[in-house]
Amino acid sequence: MTDTTKTFEIEIVLQDVRAAVTRLVQVPGEASPAALHEVVQSAMGSDHLALARVRRRRRPVRDTRPGGGMGRPAP
């Protein structure tokens, strides 16, 4: 980062939650998309594994057994 690098202030708002969750972060203008992703994850106190767990809970798995429907297949 140089003395002439612009800094951007970004408001992150988590939607579809009961209580408002908002973070205000500052990032250098030269930040890569990967770096911005890390900033957002850190600011929200999350990581890619937490997101994967949420997605797994929300997305039903098709039961491939005969007569099976939606839901998790039996082991």
PDB file of N, CA and C in Angstrom:
ATOM      1  N   MET A   1       0.851  -1.168   0.000  1.00  0.00           N
ATOM      2  CA  MET A   1       0.000   0.000   0.000  1.00  0.00           C
ATOM      3  C   MET A   1       0.894   1.227   0.000  1.00  0.00           C
ATOM      4  N   THR A   2       0.562   2.186  -0.847  1.00  0.00           N
ATOM      5  CA  THR A   2       1.354   3.406  -0.940  1.00  0.00           C
ATOM      6  C   THR A   2       0.610   4.561  -0.284  1.00  0.00           C
ATOM      7  N   ASP A   3       1.266   5.715  -0.210  1.00  0.00           N
ATOM      8  CA  ASP A   3       0.633   6.895   0.380  1.00  0.00           C
ATOM      9  C   ASP A   3      -0.545   7.385  -0.457  1.00  0.00           C
ATOM     10  N   THR A   4      -0.562   7.069  -1.737  1.00  0.00           N
ATOM     11  CA  THR A   4      -1.627   7.547  -2.616  1.00  0.00           C
ATOM     12  C   THR A   4      -2.746   6.531  -2.809  1.00  0.00           C
ATOM     13  N   THR A   5      -2.673   5.401  -2.147  1.00  0.00           N
ATOM     14  CA  THR A   5      -3.714   4.378  -2.272  1.00  0.00           C
ATOM     15  C   THR A   5      -5.008   4.872  -1.645  1.00  0.00           C
ATOM     16  N   LYS A   6      -6.095   4.748  -2.379  1.00  0.00           N
ATOM     17  CA  LYS A   6      -7.398   5.125  -1.853  1.00  0.00           C
ATOM     18  C   LYS A   6      -7.901   4.040  -0.908  1.00  0.00           C
ATOM     19  N   THR A   7      -8.607   4.460   0.110  1.00  0.00           N
ATOM     20  CA  THR A   7      -9.229   3.530   1.040  1.00  0.00           C
ATOM     21  C   THR A   7     -10.731   3.642   0.862  1.00  0.00           C
ATOM     22  N   PHE A   8     -11.385   2.499   0.782  1.00  0.00           N
ATOM     23  CA  PHE A   8     -12.833   2.473   0.619  1.00  0.00           C
ATOM     24  C   PHE A   8     -13.472   1.970   1.896  1.00  0.00           C
ATOM     25  N   GLU A   9     -14.584   2.596   2.261  1.00  0.00           N
ATOM     26  CA  GLU A   9     -15.347   2.149   3.410  1.00  0.00           C
ATOM     27  C   GLU A   9     -16.553   1.396   2.872  1.00  0.00           C
ATOM     28  N   ILE A  10     -16.722   0.176   3.335  1.00  0.00           N
ATOM     29  CA  ILE A  10     -17.776  -0.694   2.828  1.00  0.00           C
ATOM     30  C   ILE A  10     -18.692  -1.089   3.983  1.00  0.00           C
ATOM     31  N   GLU A  11     -19.994  -0.962   3.756  1.00  0.00           N
ATOM     32  CA  GLU A  11     -20.970  -1.405   4.743  1.00  0.00           C
ATOM     33  C   GLU A  11     -21.444  -2.797   4.340  1.00  0.00           C
ATOM     34  N   ILE A  12     -21.336  -3.731   5.255  1.00  0.00           N
ATOM     35  CA  ILE A  12     -21.760  -5.109   5.025  1.00  0.00           C
ATOM     36  C   ILE A  12     -23.018  -5.335   5.856  1.00  0.00           C
ATOM     37  N   VAL A  13     -24.097  -5.736   5.207  1.00  0.00           N
ATOM     38  CA  VAL A  13     -25.372  -5.951   5.899  1.00  0.00           C
ATOM     39  C   VAL A  13     -25.799  -7.391   5.665  1.00  0.00           C
ATOM     40  N   LEU A  14     -26.027  -8.113   6.743  1.00  0.00           N
ATOM     41  CA  LEU A  14     -26.505  -9.487   6.656  1.00  0.00           C
ATOM     42  C   LEU A  14     -28.025  -9.441   6.567  1.00  0.00           C
ATOM     43  N   GLN A  15     -28.584  -9.996   5.506  1.00  0.00           N
ATOM     44  CA  GLN A  15     -30.025  -9.950   5.282  1.00  0.00           C
ATOM     45  C   GLN A  15     -30.700 -11.234   5.761  1.00  0.00           C
ATOM     46  N   ASP A  16     -32.000 -11.153   5.880  1.00  0.00           N
ATOM     47  CA  ASP A  16     -32.837 -12.300   6.260  1.00  0.00           C
ATOM     48  C   ASP A  16     -32.492 -12.857   7.630  1.00  0.00           C
ATOM     49  N   VAL A  17     -32.223 -11.964   8.578  1.00  0.00           N
ATOM     50  CA  VAL A  17     -31.988 -12.362   9.968  1.00  0.00           C
ATOM     51  C   VAL A  17     -32.910 -11.530  10.855  1.00  0.00           C
ATOM     52  N   ARG A  18     -33.224 -12.025  12.022  1.00  0.00           N
ATOM     53  CA  ARG A  18     -34.153 -11.314  12.917  1.00  0.00           C
ATOM     54  C   ARG A  18     -33.545 -10.020  13.434  1.00  0.00           C
ATOM     55  N   ALA A  19     -32.345 -10.062  13.946  1.00  0.00           N
ATOM     56  CA  ALA A  19     -31.669  -8.873  14.465  1.00  0.00           C
ATOM     57  C   ALA A  19     -30.731  -8.330  13.388  1.00  0.00           C
ATOM     58  N   ALA A  20     -30.681  -7.026  13.266  1.00  0.00           N
ATOM     59  CA  ALA A  20     -29.820  -6.404  12.250  1.00  0.00           C
ATOM     60  C   ALA A  20     -28.361  -6.720  12.534  1.00  0.00           C
ATOM     61  N   VAL A  21     -27.642  -7.126  11.493  1.00  0.00           N
ATOM     62  CA  VAL A  21     -26.214  -7.390  11.592  1.00  0.00           C
ATOM     63  C   VAL A  21     -25.528  -6.551  10.524  1.00  0.00           C
ATOM     64  N   THR A  22     -24.769  -5.547  10.963  1.00  0.00           N
ATOM     65  CA  THR A  22     -24.100  -4.631  10.043  1.00  0.00           C
ATOM     66  C   THR A  22     -22.660  -4.442  10.485  1.00  0.00           C
ATOM     67  N   ARG A  23     -21.764  -4.392   9.533  1.00  0.00           N
ATOM     68  CA  ARG A  23     -20.352  -4.119   9.799  1.00  0.00           C
ATOM     69  C   ARG A  23     -19.887  -3.024   8.855  1.00  0.00           C
ATOM     70  N   LEU A  24     -19.037  -2.159   9.331  1.00  0.00           N
ATOM     71  CA  LEU A  24     -18.442  -1.116   8.517  1.00  0.00           C
ATOM     72  C   LEU A  24     -16.940  -1.383   8.494  1.00  0.00           C
ATOM     73  N   VAL A  25     -16.388  -1.639   7.321  1.00  0.00           N
ATOM     74  CA  VAL A  25     -14.964  -1.969   7.198  1.00  0.00           C
ATOM     75  C   VAL A  25     -14.295  -1.023   6.217  1.00  0.00           C
ATOM     76  N   GLN A  26     -13.000  -0.854   6.370  1.00  0.00           N
ATOM     77  CA  GLN A  26     -12.216  -0.061   5.435  1.00  0.00           C
ATOM     78  C   GLN A  26     -11.210  -0.985   4.765  1.00  0.00           C
ATOM     79  N   VAL A  27     -11.146  -0.881   3.448  1.00  0.00           N
ATOM     80  CA  VAL A  27     -10.216  -1.711   2.682  1.00  0.00           C
ATOM     81  C   VAL A  27      -9.457  -0.836   1.700  1.00  0.00           C
ATOM     82  N   PRO A  28      -8.193  -1.186   1.432  1.00  0.00           N
ATOM     83  CA  PRO A  28      -7.437  -0.428   0.438  1.00  0.00           C
ATOM     84  C   PRO A  28      -8.018  -0.675  -0.956  1.00  0.00           C
ATOM     85  N   GLY A  29      -7.981   0.349  -1.793  1.00  0.00           N
ATOM     86  CA  GLY A  29      -8.525   0.245  -3.137  1.00  0.00           C
ATOM     87  C   GLY A  29      -7.854  -0.810  -3.986  1.00  0.00           C
ATOM     88  N   GLU A  30      -6.635  -1.170  -3.647  1.00  0.00           N
ATOM     89  CA  GLU A  30      -5.913  -2.174  -4.428  1.00  0.00           C
ATOM     90  C   GLU A  30      -6.150  -3.595  -3.920  1.00  0.00           C
ATOM     91  N   ALA A  31      -7.076  -3.766  -2.979  1.00  0.00           N
ATOM     92  CA  ALA A  31      -7.355  -5.097  -2.442  1.00  0.00           C
ATOM     93  C   ALA A  31      -7.923  -5.993  -3.543  1.00  0.00           C
ATOM     94  N   SER A  32      -7.448  -7.206  -3.601  1.00  0.00           N
ATOM     95  CA  SER A  32      -7.934  -8.172  -4.590  1.00  0.00           C
ATOM     96  C   SER A  32      -9.301  -8.707  -4.154  1.00  0.00           C
ATOM     97  N   PRO A  33     -10.040  -9.323  -5.062  1.00  0.00           N
ATOM     98  CA  PRO A  33     -11.305  -9.952  -4.662  1.00  0.00           C
ATOM     99  C   PRO A  33     -11.106 -10.988  -3.549  1.00  0.00           C
ATOM    100  N   ALA A  34     -10.017 -11.716  -3.601  1.00  0.00           N
ATOM    101  CA  ALA A  34      -9.746 -12.713  -2.556  1.00  0.00           C
ATOM    102  C   ALA A  34      -9.528 -12.033  -1.207  1.00  0.00           C
ATOM    103  N   ALA A  35      -8.801 -10.914  -1.220  1.00  0.00           N
ATOM    104  CA  ALA A  35      -8.563 -10.182   0.024  1.00  0.00           C
ATOM    105  C   ALA A  35      -9.873  -9.597   0.556  1.00  0.00           C
ATOM    106  N   LEU A  36     -10.704  -9.086  -0.337  1.00  0.00           N
ATOM    107  CA  LEU A  36     -11.998  -8.543   0.072  1.00  0.00           C
ATOM    108  C   LEU A  36     -12.864  -9.646   0.679  1.00  0.00           C
ATOM    109  N   HIS A  37     -12.822 -10.821   0.084  1.00  0.00           N
ATOM    110  CA  HIS A  37     -13.562 -11.974   0.616  1.00  0.00           C
ATOM    111  C   HIS A  37     -13.113 -12.264   2.047  1.00  0.00           C
ATOM    112  N   GLU A  38     -11.816 -12.255   2.279  1.00  0.00           N
ATOM    113  CA  GLU A  38     -11.277 -12.505   3.622  1.00  0.00           C
ATOM    114  C   GLU A  38     -11.751 -11.442   4.608  1.00  0.00           C
ATOM    115  N   VAL A  39     -11.785 -10.188   4.171  1.00  0.00           N
ATOM    116  CA  VAL A  39     -12.236  -9.095   5.040  1.00  0.00           C
ATOM    117  C   VAL A  39     -13.696  -9.304   5.439  1.00  0.00           C
ATOM    118  N   VAL A  40     -14.529  -9.634   4.457  1.00  0.00           N
ATOM    119  CA  VAL A  40     -15.952  -9.843   4.738  1.00  0.00           C
ATOM    120  C   VAL A  40     -16.133 -11.023   5.687  1.00  0.00           C
ATOM    121  N   GLN A  41     -15.457 -12.119   5.417  1.00  0.00           N
ATOM    122  CA  GLN A  41     -15.571 -13.305   6.284  1.00  0.00           C
ATOM    123  C   GLN A  41     -15.137 -12.986   7.704  1.00  0.00           C
ATOM    124  N   SER A  42     -14.025 -12.288   7.838  1.00  0.00           N
ATOM    125  CA  SER A  42     -13.509 -11.938   9.157  1.00  0.00           C
ATOM    126  C   SER A  42     -14.445 -10.976   9.882  1.00  0.00           C
ATOM    127  N   ALA A  43     -14.940  -9.976   9.167  1.00  0.00           N
ATOM    128  CA  ALA A  43     -15.825  -8.984   9.776  1.00  0.00           C
ATOM    129  C   ALA A  43     -17.117  -9.625  10.286  1.00  0.00           C
ATOM    130  N   MET A  44     -17.594 -10.630   9.572  1.00  0.00           N
ATOM    131  CA  MET A  44     -18.842 -11.281   9.959  1.00  0.00           C
ATOM    132  C   MET A  44     -18.607 -12.454  10.915  1.00  0.00           C
ATOM    133  N   GLY A  45     -17.353 -12.711  11.246  1.00  0.00           N
ATOM    134  CA  GLY A  45     -17.049 -13.780  12.196  1.00  0.00           C
ATOM    135  C   GLY A  45     -17.347 -15.153  11.642  1.00  0.00           C
ATOM    136  N   SER A  46     -17.127 -15.324  10.340  1.00  0.00           N
ATOM    137  CA  SER A  46     -17.470 -16.573   9.691  1.00  0.00           C
ATOM    138  C   SER A  46     -16.295 -17.088   8.883  1.00  0.00           C
ATOM    139  N   ASP A  47     -16.473 -18.260   8.325  1.00  0.00           N
ATOM    140  CA  ASP A  47     -15.477 -18.827   7.426  1.00  0.00           C
ATOM    141  C   ASP A  47     -16.210 -19.692   6.404  1.00  0.00           C
ATOM    142  N   HIS A  48     -15.494 -20.197   5.450  1.00  0.00           N
ATOM    143  CA  HIS A  48     -16.138 -20.981   4.402  1.00  0.00           C
ATOM    144  C   HIS A  48     -16.775 -22.256   4.930  1.00  0.00           C
ATOM    145  N   LEU A  49     -16.258 -22.804   6.010  1.00  0.00           N
ATOM    146  CA  LEU A  49     -16.838 -24.026   6.559  1.00  0.00           C
ATOM    147  C   LEU A  49     -18.188 -23.759   7.196  1.00  0.00           C
ATOM    148  N   ALA A  50     -18.334 -22.607   7.856  1.00  0.00           N
ATOM    149  CA  ALA A  50     -19.619 -22.252   8.453  1.00  0.00           C
ATOM    150  C   ALA A  50     -20.669 -22.084   7.375  1.00  0.00           C
ATOM    151  N   LEU A  51     -20.313 -21.458   6.272  1.00  0.00           N
ATOM    152  CA  LEU A  51     -21.253 -21.269   5.171  1.00  0.00           C
ATOM    153  C   LEU A  51     -21.655 -22.617   4.574  1.00  0.00           C
ATOM    154  N   ALA A  52     -20.719 -23.514   4.441  1.00  0.00           N
ATOM    155  CA  ALA A  52     -21.020 -24.841   3.898  1.00  0.00           C
ATOM    156  C   ALA A  52     -21.987 -25.588   4.815  1.00  0.00           C
ATOM    157  N   ARG A  53     -21.824 -25.438   6.130  1.00  0.00           N
ATOM    158  CA  ARG A  53     -22.732 -26.098   7.070  1.00  0.00           C
ATOM    159  C   ARG A  53     -24.150 -25.549   6.917  1.00  0.00           C
ATOM    160  N   VAL A  54     -24.293 -24.237   6.761  1.00  0.00           N
ATOM    161  CA  VAL A  54     -25.607 -23.630   6.585  1.00  0.00           C
ATOM    162  C   VAL A  54     -26.233 -24.111   5.294  1.00  0.00           C
ATOM    163  N   ARG A  55     -25.465 -24.132   4.230  1.00  0.00           N
ATOM    164  CA  ARG A  55     -26.003 -24.585   2.940  1.00  0.00           C
ATOM    165  C   ARG A  55     -26.456 -26.030   3.010  1.00  0.00           C
ATOM    166  N   ARG A  56     -25.704 -26.879   3.717  1.00  0.00           N
ATOM    167  CA  ARG A  56     -26.080 -28.286   3.835  1.00  0.00           C
ATOM    168  C   ARG A  56     -27.401 -28.438   4.581  1.00  0.00           C
ATOM    169  N   ARG A  57     -27.611 -27.618   5.615  1.00  0.00           N
ATOM    170  CA  ARG A  57     -28.852 -27.710   6.385  1.00  0.00           C
ATOM    171  C   ARG A  57     -30.055 -27.258   5.567  1.00  0.00           C
ATOM    172  N   ARG A  58     -29.870 -26.274   4.703  1.00  0.00           N
ATOM    173  CA  ARG A  58     -30.984 -25.709   3.944  1.00  0.00           C
ATOM    174  C   ARG A  58     -31.319 -26.513   2.700  1.00  0.00           C
ATOM    175  N   ARG A  59     -30.364 -27.211   2.144  1.00  0.00           N
ATOM    176  CA  ARG A  59     -30.564 -27.906   0.874  1.00  0.00           C
ATOM    177  C   ARG A  59     -30.873 -29.373   1.136  1.00  0.00           C
ATOM    178  N   PRO A  60     -32.097 -29.794   0.892  1.00  0.00           N
ATOM    179  CA  PRO A  60     -32.403 -31.217   1.105  1.00  0.00           C
ATOM    180  C   PRO A  60     -31.673 -32.089   0.083  1.00  0.00           C
ATOM    181  N   VAL A  61     -31.387 -33.267   0.494  1.00  0.00           N
ATOM    182  CA  VAL A  61     -30.707 -34.226  -0.383  1.00  0.00           C
ATOM    183  C   VAL A  61     -31.732 -35.231  -0.866  1.00  0.00           C
ATOM    184  N   ARG A  62     -31.736 -35.489  -2.163  1.00  0.00           N
ATOM    185  CA  ARG A  62     -32.707 -36.438  -2.712  1.00  0.00           C
ATOM    186  C   ARG A  62     -32.325 -37.853  -2.293  1.00  0.00           C
ATOM    187  N   ASP A  63     -33.305 -38.563  -1.792  1.00  0.00           N
ATOM    188  CA  ASP A  63     -33.124 -39.958  -1.405  1.00  0.00           C
ATOM    189  C   ASP A  63     -33.196 -40.792  -2.673  1.00  0.00           C
ATOM    190  N   THR A  64     -32.130 -41.495  -3.003  1.00  0.00           N
ATOM    191  CA  THR A  64     -32.081 -42.263  -4.251  1.00  0.00           C
ATOM    192  C   THR A  64     -32.587 -43.693  -4.084  1.00  0.00           C
ATOM    193  N   ARG A  65     -33.047 -44.031  -2.888  1.00  0.00           N
ATOM    194  CA  ARG A  65     -33.599 -45.374  -2.685  1.00  0.00           C
ATOM    195  C   ARG A  65     -34.954 -45.497  -3.373  1.00  0.00           C
ATOM    196  N   PRO A  66     -35.348 -46.682  -3.762  1.00  0.00           N
ATOM    197  CA  PRO A  66     -36.668 -46.863  -4.388  1.00  0.00           C
ATOM    198  C   PRO A  66     -37.764 -46.310  -3.476  1.00  0.00           C
ATOM    199  N   GLY A  67     -38.621 -45.484  -4.044  1.00  0.00           N
ATOM    200  CA  GLY A  67     -39.707 -44.901  -3.268  1.00  0.00           C
ATOM    201  C   GLY A  67     -39.261 -43.740  -2.405  1.00  0.00           C
ATOM    202  N   GLY A  68     -37.979 -43.377  -2.506  1.00  0.00           N
ATOM    203  CA  GLY A  68     -37.456 -42.284  -1.674  1.00  0.00           C
ATOM    204  C   GLY A  68     -37.932 -40.928  -2.166  1.00  0.00           C
ATOM    205  N   GLY A  69     -37.971 -39.996  -1.274  1.00  0.00           N
ATOM    206  CA  GLY A  69     -38.397 -38.636  -1.606  1.00  0.00           C
ATOM    207  C   GLY A  69     -37.292 -37.665  -1.217  1.00  0.00           C
ATOM    208  N   MET A  70     -37.692 -36.522  -0.752  1.00  0.00           N
ATOM    209  CA  MET A  70     -36.710 -35.541  -0.325  1.00  0.00           C
ATOM    210  C   MET A  70     -36.321 -35.867   1.120  1.00  0.00           C
ATOM    211  N   GLY A  71     -35.114 -35.543   1.472  1.00  0.00           N
ATOM    212  CA  GLY A  71     -34.620 -35.807   2.809  1.00  0.00           C
ATOM    213  C   GLY A  71     -33.285 -36.516   2.738  1.00  0.00           C
ATOM    214  N   ARG A  72     -32.714 -36.700   3.851  1.00  0.00           N
ATOM    215  CA  ARG A  72     -31.396 -37.359   3.891  1.00  0.00           C
ATOM    216  C   ARG A  72     -31.585 -38.865   3.818  1.00  0.00           C
ATOM    217  N   PRO A  73     -30.804 -39.530   2.988  1.00  0.00           N
ATOM    218  CA  PRO A  73     -30.922 -41.001   2.894  1.00  0.00           C
ATOM    219  C   PRO A  73     -30.456 -41.656   4.195  1.00  0.00           C
ATOM    220  N   ALA A  74     -31.049 -42.772   4.502  1.00  0.00           N
ATOM    221  CA  ALA A  74     -30.628 -43.535   5.681  1.00  0.00           C
ATOM    222  C   ALA A  74     -29.235 -44.089   5.433  1.00  0.00           C
ATOM    223  N   PRO A  75     -28.438 -44.213   6.492  1.00  0.00           N
ATOM    224  CA  PRO A  75     -27.064 -44.749   6.309  1.00  0.00           C
ATOM    225  C   PRO A  75     -27.057 -46.202   5.886  1.00  0.00           C
TER     226      PRO A  75
END
